[in-house]
Amino acid sequence: MIQRRVWLLTIAVSFVVASGLHYLLFEEGLPTWATLSLAGTLLMGAGTGILVGRDRWPDIQSAILAWWERRPQPA
């Protein structure tokens, strides 16, 4: 059952990408759904980057503090 869902998702995404490429290459502009999906993907990527940076911030902060106080970094 799970394998069928993965294949169905793969085929559906392939058709959506092919349709978007068709509009990009053979029409005058991208349709609204393609523009919104690109904007959403960029926003999700930015959010993921912020979350990863926020997760690493205490390590960066302790490294800067250790450099400023000229003491060995904690392991």
C-alpha atoms as a PDB file:
ATOM      1  CA  MET A   1       0.000   0.000   0.000  1.00  0.00           C
ATOM      2  CA  ILE A   2       2.808   2.433   0.889  1.00  0.00           C
ATOM      3  CA  GLN A   3       4.697   1.701  -2.316  1.00  0.00           C
ATOM      4  CA  ARG A   4       1.605   2.504  -4.373  1.00  0.00           C
ATOM      5  CA  ARG A   5       1.278   5.873  -2.641  1.00  0.00           C
ATOM      6  CA  VAL A   6       4.940   6.700  -3.285  1.00  0.00           C
ATOM      7  CA  TRP A   7       4.569   5.881  -6.977  1.00  0.00           C
ATOM      8  CA  LEU A   8       1.355   7.867  -7.206  1.00  0.00           C
ATOM      9  CA  LEU A   9       3.031  10.874  -5.591  1.00  0.00           C
ATOM     10  CA  THR A  10       6.031  10.547  -7.917  1.00  0.00           C
ATOM     11  CA  ILE A  11       3.857  10.429 -11.021  1.00  0.00           C
ATOM     12  CA  ALA A  12       1.702  13.350  -9.847  1.00  0.00           C
ATOM     13  CA  VAL A  13       4.724  15.536  -9.077  1.00  0.00           C
ATOM     14  CA  SER A  14       6.251  14.629 -12.441  1.00  0.00           C
ATOM     15  CA  PHE A  15       3.125  15.747 -14.288  1.00  0.00           C
ATOM     16  CA  VAL A  16       2.954  19.013 -12.349  1.00  0.00           C
ATOM     17  CA  VAL A  17       6.623  19.744 -13.069  1.00  0.00           C
ATOM     18  CA  ALA A  18       6.161  18.838 -16.748  1.00  0.00           C
ATOM     19  CA  SER A  19       3.138  21.136 -16.963  1.00  0.00           C
ATOM     20  CA  GLY A  20       5.063  23.975 -15.337  1.00  0.00           C
ATOM     21  CA  LEU A  21       7.983  23.473 -17.722  1.00  0.00           C
ATOM     22  CA  HIS A  22       5.576  23.495 -20.665  1.00  0.00           C
ATOM     23  CA  TYR A  23       4.168  26.843 -19.562  1.00  0.00           C
ATOM     24  CA  LEU A  24       7.657  28.195 -18.918  1.00  0.00           C
ATOM     25  CA  LEU A  25       9.068  27.174 -22.298  1.00  0.00           C
ATOM     26  CA  PHE A  26       6.104  27.463 -24.680  1.00  0.00           C
ATOM     27  CA  GLU A  27       3.800  30.099 -23.197  1.00  0.00           C
ATOM     28  CA  GLU A  28       4.329  33.772 -22.395  1.00  0.00           C
ATOM     29  CA  GLY A  29       4.487  33.395 -18.631  1.00  0.00           C
ATOM     30  CA  LEU A  30       3.959  31.080 -15.741  1.00  0.00           C
ATOM     31  CA  PRO A  31       0.422  30.445 -14.543  1.00  0.00           C
ATOM     32  CA  THR A  32      -0.632  31.665 -11.119  1.00  0.00           C
ATOM     33  CA  TRP A  33      -0.412  28.213  -9.518  1.00  0.00           C
ATOM     34  CA  ALA A  34       3.196  27.792 -10.635  1.00  0.00           C
ATOM     35  CA  THR A  35       4.173  31.247  -9.396  1.00  0.00           C
ATOM     36  CA  LEU A  36       2.518  30.625  -6.031  1.00  0.00           C
ATOM     37  CA  SER A  37       4.157  27.208  -5.693  1.00  0.00           C
ATOM     38  CA  LEU A  38       7.592  28.694  -6.387  1.00  0.00           C
ATOM     39  CA  ALA A  39       6.985  31.452  -3.848  1.00  0.00           C
ATOM     40  CA  GLY A  40       5.810  28.898  -1.283  1.00  0.00           C
ATOM     41  CA  THR A  41       8.847  26.719  -1.881  1.00  0.00           C
ATOM     42  CA  LEU A  42      11.153  29.702  -1.400  1.00  0.00           C
ATOM     43  CA  LEU A  43       9.369  30.662   1.821  1.00  0.00           C
ATOM     44  CA  MET A  44       9.609  27.110   3.151  1.00  0.00           C
ATOM     45  CA  GLY A  45      13.319  27.041   2.320  1.00  0.00           C
ATOM     46  CA  ALA A  46      13.850  30.348   4.113  1.00  0.00           C
ATOM     47  CA  GLY A  47      11.947  29.070   7.158  1.00  0.00           C
ATOM     48  CA  THR A  48      14.016  25.894   7.211  1.00  0.00           C
ATOM     49  CA  GLY A  49      17.192  27.951   7.023  1.00  0.00           C
ATOM     50  CA  ILE A  50      16.048  30.129   9.915  1.00  0.00           C
ATOM     51  CA  LEU A  51      15.220  27.083  12.031  1.00  0.00           C
ATOM     52  CA  VAL A  52      18.591  25.456  11.307  1.00  0.00           C
ATOM     53  CA  GLY A  53      20.373  28.711  12.151  1.00  0.00           C
ATOM     54  CA  ARG A  54      18.366  29.071  15.333  1.00  0.00           C
ATOM     55  CA  ASP A  55      19.292  25.533  16.328  1.00  0.00           C
ATOM     56  CA  ARG A  56      23.003  26.250  15.807  1.00  0.00           C
ATOM     57  CA  TRP A  57      22.955  29.705  17.441  1.00  0.00           C
ATOM     58  CA  PRO A  58      24.009  28.580  20.972  1.00  0.00           C
ATOM     59  CA  ASP A  59      27.101  26.849  19.515  1.00  0.00           C
ATOM     60  CA  ILE A  60      28.009  29.932  17.485  1.00  0.00           C
ATOM     61  CA  GLN A  61      27.428  32.195  20.480  1.00  0.00           C
ATOM     62  CA  SER A  62      29.643  30.088  22.781  1.00  0.00           C
ATOM     63  CA  ALA A  63      32.406  29.980  20.150  1.00  0.00           C
ATOM     64  CA  ILE A  64      32.340  33.773  19.785  1.00  0.00           C
ATOM     65  CA  LEU A  65      32.292  34.240  23.557  1.00  0.00           C
ATOM     66  CA  ALA A  66      35.247  31.843  23.962  1.00  0.00           C
ATOM     67  CA  TRP A  67      37.170  33.734  21.273  1.00  0.00           C
ATOM     68  CA  TRP A  68      36.357  37.072  22.899  1.00  0.00           C
ATOM     69  CA  GLU A  69      37.458  35.925  26.343  1.00  0.00           C
ATOM     70  CA  ARG A  70      40.442  33.989  24.887  1.00  0.00           C
ATOM     71  CA  ARG A  71      39.605  30.719  26.597  1.00  0.00           C
ATOM     72  CA  PRO A  72      39.329  27.219  25.143  1.00  0.00           C
ATOM     73  CA  GLN A  73      36.034  26.349  23.523  1.00  0.00           C
ATOM     74  CA  PRO A  74      33.781  23.920  25.364  1.00  0.00           C
ATOM     75  CA  ALA A  75      33.612  20.523  23.709  1.00  0.00           C
END
